[in-house]
């Protein structure tokens, strides 16, 4: 049936009175409902696939600047840094009472001109201070180093950053 404006009309019968809707009115309602449904689905999908925060491992960034012709410090008279790392792994002891707890200490230290280690600065450590104290005490007992040298032979201090990982599983083997 055509109404005043030559539009199709639809009638819904109710108890009290007849309600009249035009076709364009129905399209607007359907469009509105469809838009709401699509928006709800879209928001649900976005929330479902929202990236979860993932803790990234701490990466140590080191920049070594040694002028051409310079010499790195030498561990224990004739060893390189790998010999030092083996020495640390061999001599590190767990703090008493914390033998079964994993931990990580990152420490910055200086190989000084006199061949000793010093200027210790803890960059990362667990709340138990015994871990960092253990690492510092170990480094203080390090065998003597030949200090770094510039190309003209001048002895200089050189900093290193060392991560020390306490792993109970490795210790038990």
N, C-alpha and C. Protein backbone atom coordinates (compact mmCIF):
# COMPACT_ATOMS: atom_id res chain seq x y z
N UNK A 1 0.84 -1.16 0.00
CA UNK A 1 0.00 0.00 0.00
C UNK A 1 0.89 1.23 0.00
N UNK A 2 0.58 2.24 -0.80
CA UNK A 2 1.36 3.47 -0.92
C UNK A 2 0.78 4.52 0.00
N UNK A 3 1.68 5.29 0.67
CA UNK A 3 1.26 6.36 1.56
C UNK A 3 1.28 7.69 0.85
N UNK A 4 1.28 8.79 1.63
CA UNK A 4 1.24 10.13 1.09
C UNK A 4 2.42 10.43 0.18
N UNK A 5 3.61 9.98 0.55
CA UNK A 5 4.82 10.30 -0.21
C UNK A 5 5.18 9.21 -1.21
N UNK A 6 4.25 8.42 -1.62
CA UNK A 6 4.48 7.33 -2.55
C UNK A 6 5.49 6.32 -2.02
N UNK A 7 5.56 6.11 -0.74
CA UNK A 7 6.45 5.13 -0.15
C UNK A 7 5.63 3.94 0.31
N UNK A 8 6.30 2.77 0.28
CA UNK A 8 5.64 1.57 0.79
C UNK A 8 5.43 1.73 2.28
N UNK A 9 4.31 1.32 2.78
CA UNK A 9 4.03 1.41 4.20
C UNK A 9 3.79 0.02 4.76
N UNK A 10 4.24 -0.18 5.98
CA UNK A 10 4.02 -1.44 6.67
C UNK A 10 3.30 -1.11 7.96
N UNK A 11 2.33 -1.93 8.30
CA UNK A 11 1.55 -1.70 9.51
C UNK A 11 1.76 -2.86 10.47
N UNK A 12 1.99 -2.51 11.73
CA UNK A 12 2.06 -3.52 12.78
C UNK A 12 0.87 -3.29 13.69
N UNK A 13 0.17 -4.36 13.96
CA UNK A 13 -1.03 -4.23 14.78
C UNK A 13 -0.69 -4.49 16.24
N UNK A 14 -1.14 -3.62 17.08
CA UNK A 14 -0.93 -3.78 18.50
C UNK A 14 -2.26 -3.78 19.20
N UNK A 15 -2.27 -3.87 20.50
CA UNK A 15 -3.51 -3.92 21.25
C UNK A 15 -4.22 -2.56 21.21
N UNK A 16 -3.45 -1.48 21.45
CA UNK A 16 -4.11 -0.19 21.59
C UNK A 16 -4.40 0.45 20.24
N UNK A 17 -3.40 0.53 19.40
CA UNK A 17 -3.62 1.20 18.12
C UNK A 17 -2.67 0.67 17.08
N UNK A 18 -2.94 0.95 15.91
CA UNK A 18 -2.14 0.54 14.78
C UNK A 18 -0.96 1.51 14.65
N UNK A 19 0.28 0.99 14.48
CA UNK A 19 1.45 1.84 14.32
C UNK A 19 1.92 1.73 12.88
N UNK A 20 2.22 2.84 12.29
CA UNK A 20 2.59 2.87 10.89
C UNK A 20 4.10 3.15 10.75
N UNK A 21 4.79 2.32 9.95
CA UNK A 21 6.21 2.51 9.68
C UNK A 21 6.41 2.55 8.18
N UNK A 22 7.24 3.46 7.72
CA UNK A 22 7.57 3.49 6.29
C UNK A 22 8.73 2.56 6.07
N UNK A 23 8.97 2.19 4.82
CA UNK A 23 10.06 1.29 4.47
C UNK A 23 11.41 1.92 4.84
N UNK A 24 11.56 3.21 4.60
CA UNK A 24 12.83 3.87 4.93
C UNK A 24 13.06 3.87 6.44
N UNK A 25 12.00 4.00 7.22
CA UNK A 25 12.11 3.96 8.67
C UNK A 25 12.61 2.57 9.12
N UNK A 26 12.08 1.52 8.50
CA UNK A 26 12.52 0.16 8.82
C UNK A 26 13.97 -0.05 8.45
N UNK A 27 14.37 0.46 7.27
CA UNK A 27 15.76 0.33 6.85
C UNK A 27 16.69 1.02 7.84
N UNK A 28 16.30 2.18 8.33
CA UNK A 28 17.12 2.91 9.30
C UNK A 28 17.26 2.11 10.59
N UNK A 29 16.17 1.51 11.05
CA UNK A 29 16.23 0.71 12.28
C UNK A 29 17.13 -0.52 12.08
N UNK A 30 16.93 -1.22 10.96
CA UNK A 30 17.74 -2.41 10.68
C UNK A 30 19.21 -2.02 10.56
N UNK A 31 19.47 -0.92 9.86
CA UNK A 31 20.85 -0.45 9.69
C UNK A 31 21.46 -0.10 11.06
N UNK A 32 20.71 0.56 11.92
CA UNK A 32 21.19 0.92 13.26
C UNK A 32 21.51 -0.30 14.10
N UNK A 33 20.61 -1.29 14.07
CA UNK A 33 20.84 -2.52 14.83
C UNK A 33 22.05 -3.27 14.28
N UNK A 34 22.15 -3.38 12.95
CA UNK A 34 23.28 -4.07 12.31
C UNK A 34 24.59 -3.37 12.66
N UNK A 35 24.60 -2.04 12.66
CA UNK A 35 25.80 -1.29 13.00
C UNK A 35 26.22 -1.58 14.44
N UNK A 36 25.29 -1.62 15.36
CA UNK A 36 25.59 -1.93 16.76
C UNK A 36 26.16 -3.33 16.91
N UNK A 37 25.56 -4.30 16.23
CA UNK A 37 26.03 -5.69 16.30
C UNK A 37 27.45 -5.79 15.75
N UNK A 38 27.71 -5.16 14.61
CA UNK A 38 29.05 -5.20 14.01
C UNK A 38 30.06 -4.52 14.94
N UNK A 39 29.68 -3.41 15.55
CA UNK A 39 30.58 -2.72 16.48
C UNK A 39 30.91 -3.59 17.68
N UNK A 40 29.91 -4.27 18.22
CA UNK A 40 30.13 -5.15 19.37
C UNK A 40 31.05 -6.30 18.99
N UNK A 41 30.82 -6.89 17.82
CA UNK A 41 31.68 -7.99 17.35
C UNK A 41 33.10 -7.47 17.15
N UNK A 42 33.24 -6.30 16.53
CA UNK A 42 34.56 -5.73 16.30
C UNK A 42 35.32 -5.47 17.58
N UNK A 43 34.65 -4.89 18.57
CA UNK A 43 35.29 -4.61 19.85
C UNK A 43 35.70 -5.91 20.53
N UNK A 44 34.84 -6.92 20.46
CA UNK A 44 35.16 -8.22 21.05
C UNK A 44 36.40 -8.82 20.40
N UNK A 45 36.48 -8.76 19.09
CA UNK A 45 37.64 -9.31 18.38
C UNK A 45 38.91 -8.55 18.77
N UNK A 46 38.83 -7.23 18.82
CA UNK A 46 40.00 -6.43 19.19
C UNK A 46 40.46 -6.79 20.60
N UNK A 47 39.53 -6.94 21.53
CA UNK A 47 39.91 -7.27 22.90
C UNK A 47 40.47 -8.68 23.02
N UNK A 48 39.94 -9.61 22.20
CA UNK A 48 40.43 -11.00 22.24
C UNK A 48 41.86 -11.08 21.74
N UNK A 49 42.20 -10.29 20.74
CA UNK A 49 43.52 -10.38 20.13
C UNK A 49 44.44 -9.25 20.54
N UNK A 50 44.11 -8.58 21.64
CA UNK A 50 44.95 -7.51 22.15
C UNK A 50 46.28 -8.13 22.58
N UNK A 51 47.40 -7.57 22.13
CA UNK A 51 48.69 -8.16 22.51
C UNK A 51 48.89 -8.11 24.02
N UNK A 52 49.34 -9.21 24.56
CA UNK A 52 49.61 -9.28 25.99
C UNK A 52 51.01 -8.73 26.22
N UNK A 53 51.20 -8.10 27.36
CA UNK A 53 52.54 -7.60 27.65
C UNK A 53 53.43 -8.79 27.99
N UNK A 54 54.58 -8.83 27.37
CA UNK A 54 55.52 -9.91 27.55
C UNK A 54 56.80 -9.30 28.09
N UNK A 55 57.28 -9.85 29.17
CA UNK A 55 58.51 -9.30 29.70
C UNK A 55 59.67 -9.76 28.83
N UNK A 56 60.43 -8.81 28.42
CA UNK A 56 61.58 -9.09 27.57
C UNK A 56 62.79 -9.33 28.46
N UNK A 57 63.65 -10.26 28.06
CA UNK A 57 64.86 -10.45 28.85
C UNK A 57 65.71 -9.19 28.79
N UNK A 58 66.40 -8.93 29.88
CA UNK A 58 67.25 -7.75 29.94
C UNK A 58 68.47 -8.01 29.06
N UNK A 59 68.70 -7.13 28.12
CA UNK A 59 69.84 -7.27 27.22
C UNK A 59 70.90 -6.27 27.65
N UNK A 60 72.10 -6.76 27.83
CA UNK A 60 73.19 -5.88 28.19
C UNK A 60 73.74 -5.25 26.93
N UNK A 61 73.84 -3.96 26.93
CA UNK A 61 74.39 -3.25 25.79
C UNK A 61 75.77 -2.75 26.18
N UNK A 62 76.76 -3.16 25.43
CA UNK A 62 78.13 -2.79 25.75
C UNK A 62 78.77 -2.15 24.55
N UNK A 63 79.43 -1.07 24.79
CA UNK A 63 80.19 -0.42 23.73
C UNK A 63 81.63 -0.39 24.22
N UNK A 64 82.49 -1.02 23.47
CA UNK A 64 83.90 -1.03 23.83
C UNK A 64 84.64 -0.12 22.87
N UNK A 65 85.36 0.83 23.41
CA UNK A 65 86.16 1.73 22.58
C UNK A 65 87.60 1.57 23.02
N UNK A 66 88.38 0.98 22.17
CA UNK A 66 89.80 0.81 22.44
C UNK A 66 90.51 1.32 21.20
N UNK A 67 91.31 2.35 21.35
CA UNK A 67 91.98 2.90 20.17
C UNK A 67 92.81 1.85 19.44
N UNK A 68 92.97 2.07 18.15
CA UNK A 68 93.76 1.14 17.34
C UNK A 68 95.15 1.00 17.95
N UNK A 69 95.59 -0.23 18.05
CA UNK A 69 96.89 -0.49 18.65
C UNK A 69 96.84 -0.66 20.15
N UNK A 70 95.66 -0.44 20.75
CA UNK A 70 95.50 -0.61 22.19
C UNK A 70 95.41 -2.08 22.55
N UNK A 71 95.53 -2.37 23.83
CA UNK A 71 95.50 -3.75 24.29
C UNK A 71 94.47 -3.90 25.41
N UNK A 72 93.64 -4.92 25.31
CA UNK A 72 92.66 -5.22 26.35
C UNK A 72 93.39 -5.71 27.60
N UNK A 73 92.74 -5.63 28.76
CA UNK A 73 93.35 -6.19 29.97
C UNK A 73 93.55 -7.70 29.80
N UNK A 74 94.56 -8.21 30.46
CA UNK A 74 94.86 -9.64 30.36
C UNK A 74 94.68 -10.26 31.74
N UNK A 75 93.81 -11.26 31.81
CA UNK A 75 93.49 -11.92 33.07
C UNK A 75 94.60 -12.87 33.49
N UNK A 76 95.01 -12.78 34.74
CA UNK A 76 95.94 -13.72 35.36
C UNK A 76 97.25 -13.84 34.58
N UNK A 77 97.70 -12.76 34.03
CA UNK A 77 98.99 -12.76 33.36
C UNK A 77 98.98 -13.10 31.89
N UNK A 78 98.15 -14.10 31.49
CA UNK A 78 98.16 -14.48 30.07
C UNK A 78 96.80 -14.95 29.56
N UNK A 79 95.76 -14.77 30.34
CA UNK A 79 94.44 -15.25 29.92
C UNK A 79 93.58 -14.15 29.31
N UNK A 80 92.57 -14.58 28.57
CA UNK A 80 91.63 -13.61 27.99
C UNK A 80 90.35 -13.58 28.84
N UNK A 81 89.36 -12.89 28.36
CA UNK A 81 88.11 -12.73 29.12
C UNK A 81 87.42 -14.08 29.35
N UNK A 82 87.57 -15.01 28.41
CA UNK A 82 86.96 -16.34 28.58
C UNK A 82 87.59 -17.09 29.76
N UNK A 83 88.89 -16.92 29.95
CA UNK A 83 89.55 -17.53 31.12
C UNK A 83 88.99 -16.93 32.41
N UNK A 84 88.74 -15.64 32.40
CA UNK A 84 88.15 -14.97 33.57
C UNK A 84 86.75 -15.51 33.85
N UNK A 85 85.94 -15.68 32.81
CA UNK A 85 84.58 -16.20 32.99
C UNK A 85 84.61 -17.62 33.55
N UNK A 86 85.54 -18.44 33.07
CA UNK A 86 85.69 -19.80 33.62
C UNK A 86 86.08 -19.73 35.10
N UNK A 87 86.98 -18.81 35.44
CA UNK A 87 87.39 -18.65 36.83
C UNK A 87 86.19 -18.27 37.70
N UNK A 88 85.36 -17.34 37.21
CA UNK A 88 84.16 -16.93 37.97
C UNK A 88 83.24 -18.13 38.16
N UNK A 89 82.97 -18.87 37.09
CA UNK A 89 82.06 -20.02 37.18
C UNK A 89 82.59 -21.09 38.14
N UNK A 90 83.89 -21.28 38.15
CA UNK A 90 84.50 -22.29 39.01
C UNK A 90 84.47 -21.88 40.48
N UNK A 91 84.62 -20.61 40.75
CA UNK A 91 84.79 -20.13 42.12
C UNK A 91 83.56 -19.53 42.77
N UNK A 92 82.51 -19.31 42.03
CA UNK A 92 81.31 -18.69 42.62
C UNK A 92 80.64 -19.67 43.58
N UNK A 93 80.22 -19.18 44.72
CA UNK A 93 79.52 -19.99 45.72
C UNK A 93 78.17 -19.35 46.01
N UNK A 94 77.18 -20.17 46.25
CA UNK A 94 75.86 -19.65 46.63
C UNK A 94 75.94 -19.03 48.01
N UNK A 95 75.20 -17.96 48.25
CA UNK A 95 75.10 -17.43 49.61
C UNK A 95 74.43 -18.48 50.51
N UNK A 96 74.86 -18.55 51.75
CA UNK A 96 74.30 -19.53 52.68
C UNK A 96 72.80 -19.31 52.86
N UNK A 97 72.05 -20.41 52.81
CA UNK A 97 70.60 -20.37 52.97
C UNK A 97 69.84 -20.07 51.69
N UNK A 98 70.53 -19.75 50.62
CA UNK A 98 69.86 -19.42 49.35
C UNK A 98 70.28 -20.39 48.23
N UNK A 99 70.78 -21.56 48.62
CA UNK A 99 71.35 -22.50 47.66
C UNK A 99 70.37 -23.00 46.61
N UNK A 100 69.08 -23.02 46.91
CA UNK A 100 68.10 -23.56 45.97
C UNK A 100 67.30 -22.49 45.24
N UNK A 101 67.72 -21.26 45.37
CA UNK A 101 66.96 -20.16 44.75
C UNK A 101 67.75 -19.60 43.56
N UNK A 102 67.16 -19.58 42.36
CA UNK A 102 67.86 -18.99 41.22
C UNK A 102 67.92 -17.47 41.36
N UNK A 103 68.99 -16.88 40.84
CA UNK A 103 69.14 -15.42 40.92
C UNK A 103 70.08 -14.95 39.82
N UNK A 104 70.05 -13.65 39.59
CA UNK A 104 70.93 -13.05 38.59
C UNK A 104 71.43 -11.72 39.14
N UNK A 105 72.74 -11.53 39.06
CA UNK A 105 73.37 -10.28 39.47
C UNK A 105 74.14 -9.75 38.27
N UNK A 106 73.91 -8.49 37.94
CA UNK A 106 74.67 -7.84 36.87
C UNK A 106 75.49 -6.76 37.54
N UNK A 107 76.80 -6.85 37.35
CA UNK A 107 77.70 -5.93 38.05
C UNK A 107 78.67 -5.29 37.06
N UNK A 108 78.94 -4.02 37.29
CA UNK A 108 79.92 -3.29 36.50
C UNK A 108 81.15 -3.14 37.38
N UNK A 109 82.32 -3.37 36.81
CA UNK A 109 83.55 -3.22 37.58
C UNK A 109 84.64 -2.69 36.66
N UNK A 110 85.74 -2.27 37.26
CA UNK A 110 86.86 -1.71 36.51
C UNK A 110 88.11 -2.53 36.76
N UNK A 111 88.79 -2.88 35.66
CA UNK A 111 90.14 -3.43 35.77
C UNK A 111 91.03 -2.18 35.86
N UNK A 112 91.60 -1.97 37.04
CA UNK A 112 92.34 -0.74 37.30
C UNK A 112 93.79 -0.84 36.82
N UNK A 113 94.43 0.31 36.75
CA UNK A 113 95.82 0.39 36.25
C UNK A 113 96.77 -0.50 37.05
N UNK A 114 96.46 -0.71 38.33
CA UNK A 114 97.34 -1.54 39.16
C UNK A 114 97.05 -3.04 39.02
N UNK A 115 96.08 -3.41 38.15
CA UNK A 115 95.79 -4.82 37.90
C UNK A 115 94.74 -5.43 38.81
N UNK A 116 94.18 -4.64 39.71
CA UNK A 116 93.13 -5.14 40.59
C UNK A 116 91.76 -4.75 40.03
N UNK A 117 90.73 -5.41 40.55
CA UNK A 117 89.36 -5.07 40.17
C UNK A 117 88.79 -4.15 41.24
N UNK A 118 88.04 -3.15 40.83
CA UNK A 118 87.45 -2.23 41.79
C UNK A 118 86.31 -1.45 41.17
N UNK A 119 85.88 -0.41 41.87
CA UNK A 119 84.77 0.45 41.44
C UNK A 119 83.55 -0.38 41.06
N UNK A 120 83.12 -1.24 41.96
CA UNK A 120 82.00 -2.14 41.71
C UNK A 120 80.68 -1.37 41.76
N UNK A 121 79.84 -1.62 40.79
CA UNK A 121 78.51 -1.00 40.77
C UNK A 121 77.50 -2.08 40.36
N UNK A 122 76.57 -2.39 41.26
CA UNK A 122 75.55 -3.40 40.98
C UNK A 122 74.47 -2.77 40.12
N UNK A 123 74.23 -3.35 38.94
CA UNK A 123 73.22 -2.84 38.01
C UNK A 123 71.89 -3.56 38.17
N UNK A 124 71.96 -4.82 38.58
CA UNK A 124 70.74 -5.62 38.74
C UNK A 124 71.03 -6.70 39.77
N UNK A 125 70.09 -6.90 40.68
CA UNK A 125 70.28 -7.93 41.71
C UNK A 125 68.94 -8.22 42.37
N UNK A 126 68.79 -9.44 42.92
CA UNK A 126 67.57 -9.75 43.68
C UNK A 126 67.56 -8.96 44.98
N UNK A 127 66.43 -9.02 45.66
CA UNK A 127 66.30 -8.24 46.91
C UNK A 127 67.23 -8.74 48.01
N UNK A 128 67.63 -10.01 47.95
CA UNK A 128 68.55 -10.54 48.95
C UNK A 128 69.95 -10.00 48.65
N UNK A 129 70.46 -9.14 49.49
CA UNK A 129 71.76 -8.48 49.28
C UNK A 129 72.92 -9.47 49.29
N UNK A 130 72.70 -10.66 49.83
CA UNK A 130 73.77 -11.66 49.92
C UNK A 130 74.30 -12.04 48.54
N UNK A 131 73.44 -12.01 47.52
CA UNK A 131 73.90 -12.37 46.17
C UNK A 131 74.94 -11.36 45.66
N UNK A 132 74.61 -10.08 45.74
CA UNK A 132 75.55 -9.08 45.23
C UNK A 132 76.83 -9.05 46.07
N UNK A 133 76.70 -9.25 47.39
CA UNK A 133 77.89 -9.29 48.25
C UNK A 133 78.80 -10.46 47.87
N UNK A 134 78.18 -11.60 47.53
CA UNK A 134 78.95 -12.78 47.12
C UNK A 134 79.74 -12.49 45.85
N UNK A 135 79.10 -11.85 44.88
CA UNK A 135 79.77 -11.55 43.61
C UNK A 135 80.90 -10.55 43.83
N UNK A 136 80.65 -9.51 44.61
CA UNK A 136 81.69 -8.51 44.85
C UNK A 136 82.88 -9.13 45.58
N UNK A 137 82.62 -9.95 46.59
CA UNK A 137 83.71 -10.60 47.32
C UNK A 137 84.52 -11.51 46.39
N UNK A 138 83.84 -12.21 45.49
CA UNK A 138 84.56 -13.06 44.54
C UNK A 138 85.45 -12.21 43.63
N UNK A 139 84.91 -11.12 43.10
CA UNK A 139 85.70 -10.28 42.19
C UNK A 139 86.89 -9.65 42.90
N UNK A 140 86.74 -9.35 44.18
CA UNK A 140 87.87 -8.79 44.94
C UNK A 140 89.00 -9.80 45.08
N UNK A 141 88.67 -11.09 45.03
CA UNK A 141 89.68 -12.16 45.15
C UNK A 141 90.26 -12.56 43.80
N UNK A 142 89.86 -11.89 42.75
CA UNK A 142 90.32 -12.24 41.40
C UNK A 142 91.85 -12.21 41.32
N UNK A 143 92.42 -13.15 40.58
CA UNK A 143 93.86 -13.07 40.32
C UNK A 143 94.19 -11.73 39.63
N UNK A 144 95.43 -11.37 39.69
CA UNK A 144 95.92 -10.10 39.15
C UNK A 144 95.73 -10.03 37.63
N UNK A 145 95.46 -8.85 37.14
CA UNK A 145 95.31 -8.60 35.70
C UNK A 145 96.46 -7.71 35.22
N UNK A 146 96.80 -7.84 33.95
CA UNK A 146 97.63 -6.83 33.30
C UNK A 146 96.64 -5.79 32.79
N UNK A 147 96.81 -4.53 33.15
CA UNK A 147 95.81 -3.53 32.77
C UNK A 147 95.77 -3.28 31.26
N UNK A 148 94.69 -2.63 30.83
CA UNK A 148 94.57 -2.24 29.42
C UNK A 148 95.65 -1.20 29.12
N UNK A 149 96.06 -1.18 27.86
CA UNK A 149 97.09 -0.22 27.43
C UNK A 149 96.64 0.49 26.17
N UNK A 150 96.96 1.76 26.10
CA UNK A 150 96.74 2.51 24.88
C UNK A 150 97.87 2.20 23.90
N UNK A 151 97.74 2.65 22.68
CA UNK A 151 98.75 2.35 21.65
C UNK A 151 100.13 2.91 22.02
N UNK A 152 100.17 3.97 22.84
CA UNK A 152 101.47 4.53 23.24
C UNK A 152 102.05 3.83 24.47
N UNK A 153 101.36 2.77 24.95
CA UNK A 153 101.86 2.00 26.09
C UNK A 153 101.33 2.45 27.44
N UNK A 154 100.58 3.55 27.48
CA UNK A 154 100.04 4.05 28.75
C UNK A 154 98.99 3.08 29.29
N UNK A 155 99.14 2.71 30.58
CA UNK A 155 98.17 1.84 31.23
C UNK A 155 96.94 2.66 31.61
N UNK A 156 95.75 2.07 31.36
CA UNK A 156 94.50 2.77 31.63
C UNK A 156 93.51 1.83 32.31
N UNK A 157 92.54 2.41 33.01
CA UNK A 157 91.44 1.64 33.59
C UNK A 157 90.50 1.22 32.47
N UNK A 158 89.85 0.06 32.63
CA UNK A 158 88.84 -0.38 31.66
C UNK A 158 87.68 -1.02 32.39
N UNK A 159 86.47 -0.60 32.03
CA UNK A 159 85.26 -1.11 32.66
C UNK A 159 84.73 -2.34 31.94
N UNK A 160 84.12 -3.22 32.74
CA UNK A 160 83.43 -4.39 32.22
C UNK A 160 82.07 -4.50 32.92
N UNK A 161 81.13 -5.13 32.26
CA UNK A 161 79.85 -5.47 32.87
C UNK A 161 79.72 -6.98 32.82
N UNK A 162 79.43 -7.58 33.96
CA UNK A 162 79.40 -9.03 34.07
C UNK A 162 78.06 -9.50 34.63
N UNK A 163 77.32 -10.33 33.88
CA UNK A 163 76.13 -10.96 34.45
C UNK A 163 76.54 -12.28 35.12
N UNK A 164 76.11 -12.47 36.34
CA UNK A 164 76.39 -13.72 37.07
C UNK A 164 75.04 -14.35 37.38
N UNK A 165 74.85 -15.58 36.89
CA UNK A 165 73.58 -16.28 37.07
C UNK A 165 73.78 -17.42 38.05
N UNK A 166 72.98 -17.42 39.09
CA UNK A 166 72.98 -18.50 40.08
C UNK A 166 71.88 -19.47 39.68
N UNK A 167 72.25 -20.70 39.31
CA UNK A 167 71.29 -21.68 38.83
C UNK A 167 71.41 -22.95 39.67
N UNK A 168 70.41 -23.25 40.50
CA UNK A 168 70.50 -24.43 41.37
C UNK A 168 70.68 -25.74 40.59
N UNK A 169 70.02 -25.89 39.45
CA UNK A 169 70.11 -27.13 38.68
C UNK A 169 71.54 -27.41 38.24
N UNK A 170 72.25 -26.39 37.81
CA UNK A 170 73.63 -26.55 37.36
C UNK A 170 74.52 -26.91 38.54
N UNK A 171 74.26 -26.31 39.68
CA UNK A 171 75.07 -26.53 40.88
C UNK A 171 74.98 -27.97 41.35
N UNK A 172 73.80 -28.60 41.22
CA UNK A 172 73.58 -29.95 41.74
C UNK A 172 74.26 -31.02 40.90
N UNK A 173 74.59 -30.70 39.66
CA UNK A 173 75.18 -31.71 38.76
C UNK A 173 76.62 -31.99 39.09
